[in-house]
Amino acid sequence: MDVSPEHLVEQARERFELQDYYGAIHLLEEVGASGRAFADAHHLLGLSYSLVGRHEQALAQLDRAVALNPRYVEALIHRAIVLNELGRGEEADAAFRRASEIGGEPRLGFPAHVAAKLANQHAALGDAYFEAGGLAQAIEQYQAALALGPAFHDLRYKLGRILLQAGRALDAREHFEIIVRARPSYLDAAAMFGLACYLAGDGLAARAVWEELRERRPEDPRIEAYLALLDRTDVSAPPAPPAPLAAPAGTPSGAEPPPAPPAVKRGGGREQKP
């Protein structure tokens, strides 16, 4: 069974909380080998490496986390700590200053760290509404979360999927497009962008997205399924929206799970998030 990177990261978080850092490293290295790691995965891997004394590898992973999300305050702070451990004091000071600058920038009148906490609380409430069947209320909570953390693309991905399930393909398309522009390597979001285009009635855009994805991820049977569906449904109904999401336990913190393709089942799990 194909286990999603989000699910592996959640397992790694569990190992990390139990102070099984080598167990977390093993899972996170598997995510990295898949080519689908996101900023949170690199951050957690860097932190795990640092806690077992592998500082050079820790720095490489934290650098990748910051490259994916330059405003990732926690990754900047931990990067500064690792630089200090390596005796690179001036670089450590610069990283601390950058983290402090970002952490002090207000969002909707709140300091950034407070806004991030409130965004995750809105997302957690959105999950609760979603689990109870309240799609409209879940969407409102995720929209509030994104107003506080517009760069939290894991939350934006979750909102896009909920919008598709609510039949709002045009709105979902807008959110997936934002993610794809900001994070071109987030291929699961690109696949959903194509699906949103198709469900919104733009088959040409969907084909362009999926054909590009086929070149970048030729081993993914979902993409071939989507393209085959396009070829034979010019006058028939569009594909079904993605399978219902399973509400995650706790506050979102990483990228969202990839959707199930039409007629091709794939493994589930969480992003979660932002």
Protein backbone atom coordinates (compact mmCIF):
# COMPACT_ATOMS: atom_id res chain seq x y z
CA MET A 1 0.00 0.00 0.00
CA ASP A 2 1.25 3.49 -0.87
CA VAL A 3 1.55 5.35 2.45
CA SER A 4 1.28 9.10 2.04
CA PRO A 5 4.14 11.33 3.21
CA GLU A 6 1.74 13.16 5.51
CA HIS A 7 0.92 9.91 7.30
CA LEU A 8 4.61 9.09 7.67
CA VAL A 9 5.25 12.54 9.14
CA GLU A 10 2.45 12.02 11.67
CA GLN A 11 4.04 8.71 12.67
CA ALA A 12 7.40 10.46 12.94
CA ARG A 13 5.87 13.09 15.24
CA GLU A 14 4.64 10.29 17.50
CA ARG A 15 8.13 8.76 17.61
CA PHE A 16 9.63 12.20 18.28
CA GLU A 17 7.27 12.84 21.19
CA LEU A 18 8.35 9.50 22.66
CA GLN A 19 11.98 10.68 22.28
CA ASP A 20 12.60 7.94 19.73
CA TYR A 21 14.60 10.28 17.51
CA TYR A 22 16.16 7.51 15.44
CA GLY A 23 12.68 6.12 14.74
CA ALA A 24 11.55 9.58 13.64
CA ILE A 25 14.63 9.93 11.43
CA HIS A 26 13.95 6.60 9.73
CA LEU A 27 10.38 7.61 8.85
CA LEU A 28 11.32 11.12 7.75
CA GLU A 29 14.17 9.90 5.57
CA GLU A 30 11.59 7.73 3.81
CA VAL A 31 9.50 10.85 3.18
CA GLY A 32 12.54 12.63 1.80
CA ALA A 33 13.35 9.72 -0.50
CA SER A 34 9.84 9.98 -1.95
CA GLY A 35 10.59 13.50 -3.20
CA ARG A 36 7.38 14.76 -1.60
CA ALA A 37 8.69 16.18 1.66
CA PHE A 38 7.32 19.57 2.73
CA ALA A 39 8.76 22.20 5.05
CA ASP A 40 7.43 20.64 8.25
CA ALA A 41 8.98 17.28 7.35
CA HIS A 42 12.41 18.83 6.72
CA HIS A 43 12.13 20.84 9.95
CA LEU A 44 11.27 17.79 12.04
CA LEU A 45 14.04 15.76 10.42
CA GLY A 46 16.54 18.55 11.09
CA LEU A 47 15.45 18.77 14.70
CA SER A 48 15.74 14.99 15.11
CA TYR A 49 19.22 14.98 13.58
CA SER A 50 20.32 17.76 15.93
CA LEU A 51 19.09 15.84 18.99
CA VAL A 52 21.25 12.84 18.10
CA GLY A 53 24.29 15.02 17.45
CA ARG A 54 24.27 14.95 13.64
CA HIS A 55 24.53 18.70 13.26
CA GLU A 56 25.67 18.95 9.64
CA GLN A 57 22.73 16.82 8.48
CA ALA A 58 20.43 18.82 10.77
CA LEU A 59 21.56 22.07 9.18
CA ALA A 60 21.00 20.72 5.66
CA GLN A 61 17.41 19.77 6.51
CA LEU A 62 16.67 23.06 8.26
CA ASP A 63 18.09 24.91 5.25
CA ARG A 64 15.63 23.03 3.05
CA ALA A 65 12.74 23.84 5.37
CA VAL A 66 13.59 27.55 5.23
CA ALA A 67 14.04 27.40 1.45
CA LEU A 68 10.50 26.03 1.13
CA ASN A 69 9.08 28.49 3.68
CA PRO A 70 11.33 31.52 4.29
CA ARG A 71 8.99 32.71 7.04
CA TYR A 72 9.19 29.47 9.05
CA VAL A 73 10.09 30.98 12.43
CA GLU A 74 10.66 27.67 14.26
CA ALA A 75 12.95 26.38 11.53
CA LEU A 76 14.93 29.65 11.62
CA ILE A 77 15.32 29.41 15.37
CA HIS A 78 16.43 25.79 15.32
CA ARG A 79 18.76 26.57 12.42
CA ALA A 80 20.36 29.29 14.54
CA ILE A 81 20.81 26.84 17.42
CA VAL A 82 22.50 24.29 15.14
CA LEU A 83 24.76 26.97 13.63
CA ASN A 84 25.78 27.94 17.14
CA GLU A 85 26.56 24.29 17.93
CA LEU A 86 28.77 24.20 14.84
CA GLY A 87 30.68 27.27 16.03
CA ARG A 88 29.24 29.54 13.33
CA GLY A 89 28.24 32.32 15.69
CA GLU A 90 27.75 35.18 13.23
CA GLU A 91 25.44 33.11 11.03
CA ALA A 92 23.55 31.98 14.13
CA ASP A 93 23.03 35.60 15.21
CA ALA A 94 21.73 36.50 11.75
CA ALA A 95 19.28 33.58 11.81
CA PHE A 96 18.04 34.61 15.28
CA ARG A 97 17.55 38.20 14.08
CA ARG A 98 15.58 37.01 11.06
CA ALA A 99 13.35 34.83 13.24
CA SER A 100 12.78 37.76 15.59
CA GLU A 101 11.88 40.08 12.71
CA ILE A 102 9.34 37.66 11.29
CA GLY A 103 7.96 36.77 14.70
CA GLY A 104 7.26 40.42 15.40
CA GLU A 105 5.32 41.15 12.21
CA PRO A 106 1.61 41.51 12.98
CA ARG A 107 -1.15 39.64 11.17
CA LEU A 108 -4.64 41.11 11.51
CA GLY A 109 -3.27 43.11 14.41
CA PHE A 110 -1.73 40.11 16.21
CA PRO A 111 1.96 39.24 16.58
CA ALA A 112 2.90 36.53 14.10
CA HIS A 113 3.32 33.78 16.69
CA VAL A 114 -0.10 34.58 18.19
CA ALA A 115 -1.68 34.69 14.72
CA ALA A 116 -0.19 31.28 13.90
CA LYS A 117 -1.60 29.78 17.09
CA LEU A 118 -5.04 31.27 16.42
CA ALA A 119 -4.92 30.00 12.82
CA ASN A 120 -4.32 26.46 13.99
CA GLN A 121 -7.15 26.77 16.50
CA HIS A 122 -9.52 27.89 13.75
CA ALA A 123 -8.36 24.93 11.65
CA ALA A 124 -8.93 22.52 14.55
CA LEU A 125 -12.46 23.89 14.95
CA GLY A 126 -12.93 23.51 11.19
CA ASP A 127 -11.97 19.85 11.53
CA ALA A 128 -14.58 19.42 14.26
CA TYR A 129 -17.30 20.98 12.07
CA PHE A 130 -16.20 18.85 9.12
CA GLU A 131 -16.38 15.67 11.19
CA ALA A 132 -19.90 16.65 12.27
CA GLY A 133 -20.96 17.21 8.65
CA GLY A 134 -20.96 21.00 8.78
CA LEU A 135 -19.15 21.81 5.54
CA ALA A 136 -20.20 25.47 5.48
CA GLN A 137 -18.99 26.04 9.05
CA ALA A 138 -15.75 24.15 8.36
CA ILE A 139 -15.09 26.36 5.34
CA GLU A 140 -15.66 29.50 7.43
CA GLN A 141 -13.16 28.34 10.04
CA TYR A 142 -10.51 27.51 7.45
CA GLN A 143 -11.02 30.86 5.77
CA ALA A 144 -10.49 32.54 9.15
CA ALA A 145 -7.34 30.46 9.64
CA LEU A 146 -5.94 31.57 6.29
CA ALA A 147 -6.69 35.21 7.03
CA LEU A 148 -4.33 34.83 9.98
CA GLY A 149 -1.80 32.63 8.17
CA PRO A 150 -2.03 33.11 4.39
CA ALA A 151 1.24 31.18 3.86
CA PHE A 152 -0.04 28.08 5.66
CA HIS A 153 -0.46 26.06 2.49
CA ASP A 154 -1.28 22.85 4.34
CA LEU A 155 -4.42 24.56 5.65
CA ARG A 156 -5.15 26.02 2.22
CA TYR A 157 -4.91 22.52 0.71
CA LYS A 158 -7.41 21.22 3.27
CA LEU A 159 -9.77 24.12 2.53
CA GLY A 160 -9.55 23.41 -1.20
CA ARG A 161 -10.55 19.80 -0.70
CA ILE A 162 -13.49 20.76 1.51
CA LEU A 163 -14.62 23.32 -1.08
CA LEU A 164 -14.60 20.59 -3.73
CA GLN A 165 -16.73 18.38 -1.54
CA ALA A 166 -19.10 21.30 -1.06
CA GLY A 167 -19.45 21.66 -4.85
CA ARG A 168 -17.51 24.94 -5.02
CA ALA A 169 -15.00 23.98 -7.69
CA LEU A 170 -14.16 27.53 -8.79
CA ASP A 171 -13.29 28.58 -5.24
CA ALA A 172 -11.25 25.42 -4.76
CA ARG A 173 -9.41 26.05 -8.02
CA GLU A 174 -8.31 29.48 -6.79
CA HIS A 175 -6.82 28.04 -3.60
CA PHE A 176 -5.01 25.18 -5.32
CA GLU A 177 -3.58 27.61 -7.85
CA ILE A 178 -2.19 29.76 -5.03
CA ILE A 179 -0.46 26.70 -3.55
CA VAL A 180 0.98 25.58 -6.88
CA ARG A 181 2.38 29.03 -7.59
CA ALA A 182 3.97 29.26 -4.15
CA ARG A 183 5.17 25.66 -3.96
CA PRO A 184 5.69 24.14 -7.42
CA SER A 185 7.06 20.95 -5.84
CA TYR A 186 3.75 20.27 -4.06
CA LEU A 187 2.59 17.81 -6.70
CA ASP A 188 -0.46 16.57 -4.80
CA ALA A 189 -1.79 20.13 -4.78
CA ALA A 190 -1.12 20.32 -8.51
CA ALA A 191 -3.13 17.13 -9.07
CA MET A 192 -6.01 18.68 -7.13
CA PHE A 193 -5.63 21.90 -9.10
CA GLY A 194 -6.23 19.88 -12.27
CA LEU A 195 -9.26 18.21 -10.73
CA ALA A 196 -10.69 21.56 -9.65
CA CYS A 197 -10.19 22.91 -13.17
CA TYR A 198 -12.04 19.94 -14.62
CA LEU A 199 -14.90 20.09 -12.13
CA ALA A 200 -15.21 23.81 -12.91
CA GLY A 201 -15.67 22.93 -16.59
CA ASP A 202 -12.19 23.82 -17.87
CA GLY A 203 -11.02 20.55 -19.39
CA LEU A 204 -8.22 22.19 -21.37
CA ALA A 205 -6.61 23.62 -18.24
CA ALA A 206 -7.04 20.29 -16.46
CA ARG A 207 -5.30 18.46 -19.30
CA ALA A 208 -2.38 20.91 -19.30
CA VAL A 209 -1.90 20.48 -15.56
CA TRP A 210 -2.12 16.68 -15.63
CA GLU A 211 0.13 16.27 -18.68
CA GLU A 212 2.82 18.31 -16.95
CA LEU A 213 2.34 16.21 -13.82
CA ARG A 214 2.69 13.00 -15.84
CA GLU A 215 6.15 14.16 -16.93
CA ARG A 216 7.14 14.99 -13.36
CA ARG A 217 5.58 11.93 -11.69
CA PRO A 218 5.25 9.20 -14.34
CA GLU A 219 4.82 6.48 -11.71
CA ASP A 220 1.59 7.95 -10.32
CA PRO A 221 -1.39 5.95 -11.67
CA ARG A 222 -3.79 8.68 -10.55
CA ILE A 223 -2.55 11.02 -13.28
CA GLU A 224 -3.05 8.42 -16.03
CA ALA A 225 -6.53 7.75 -14.63
CA TYR A 226 -7.42 11.43 -14.80
CA LEU A 227 -6.11 11.81 -18.35
CA ALA A 228 -7.86 8.65 -19.51
CA LEU A 229 -11.06 9.99 -17.99
CA LEU A 230 -10.62 13.24 -19.90
CA ASP A 231 -10.24 11.31 -23.16
CA ARG A 232 -13.50 9.47 -22.75
CA THR A 233 -15.72 12.00 -20.95
CA ASP A 234 -15.86 14.92 -23.36
CA VAL A 235 -19.64 14.72 -23.26
CA SER A 236 -20.19 12.87 -20.00
CA ALA A 237 -20.14 13.79 -16.34
CA PRO A 238 -16.94 14.96 -14.63
CA PRO A 239 -15.11 12.74 -12.17
CA ALA A 240 -16.33 12.48 -8.61
CA PRO A 241 -14.81 14.82 -6.02
CA PRO A 242 -12.07 13.36 -3.83
CA ALA A 243 -12.91 10.81 -1.16
CA PRO A 244 -14.07 12.29 2.17
CA LEU A 245 -11.30 13.46 4.43
CA ALA A 246 -10.66 11.82 7.75
CA ALA A 247 -10.49 14.49 10.45
CA PRO A 248 -7.00 14.42 11.94
CA ALA A 249 -6.30 14.21 15.61
CA GLY A 250 -5.07 17.45 17.13
CA THR A 251 -4.16 20.75 15.60
CA PRO A 252 -3.06 20.73 11.97
CA SER A 253 0.63 21.28 11.44
CA GLY A 254 1.59 19.85 8.07
CA ALA A 255 0.55 19.26 4.53
CA GLU A 256 -2.71 17.53 3.67
CA PRO A 257 -3.15 13.95 2.41
CA PRO A 258 -3.33 13.31 -1.34
CA PRO A 259 -6.77 12.62 -2.84
CA ALA A 260 -7.95 9.22 -3.97
CA PRO A 261 -7.94 9.01 -7.81
CA PRO A 262 -10.97 7.85 -9.75
CA ALA A 263 -11.02 4.06 -9.87
CA VAL A 264 -7.53 3.88 -8.33
CA LYS A 265 -7.29 3.57 -4.56
CA ARG A 266 -4.23 4.91 -2.80
CA GLY A 267 -3.15 5.03 0.77
CA GLY A 268 -4.51 7.68 3.09
CA GLY A 269 -3.11 9.70 5.93
CA ARG A 270 -2.32 13.27 6.90
CA GLU A 271 -0.54 17.48 6.46
CA GLN A 272 -1.04 18.67 7.62
CA LYS A 273 -0.80 20.87 7.59
CA PRO A 274 0.14 24.41 8.27
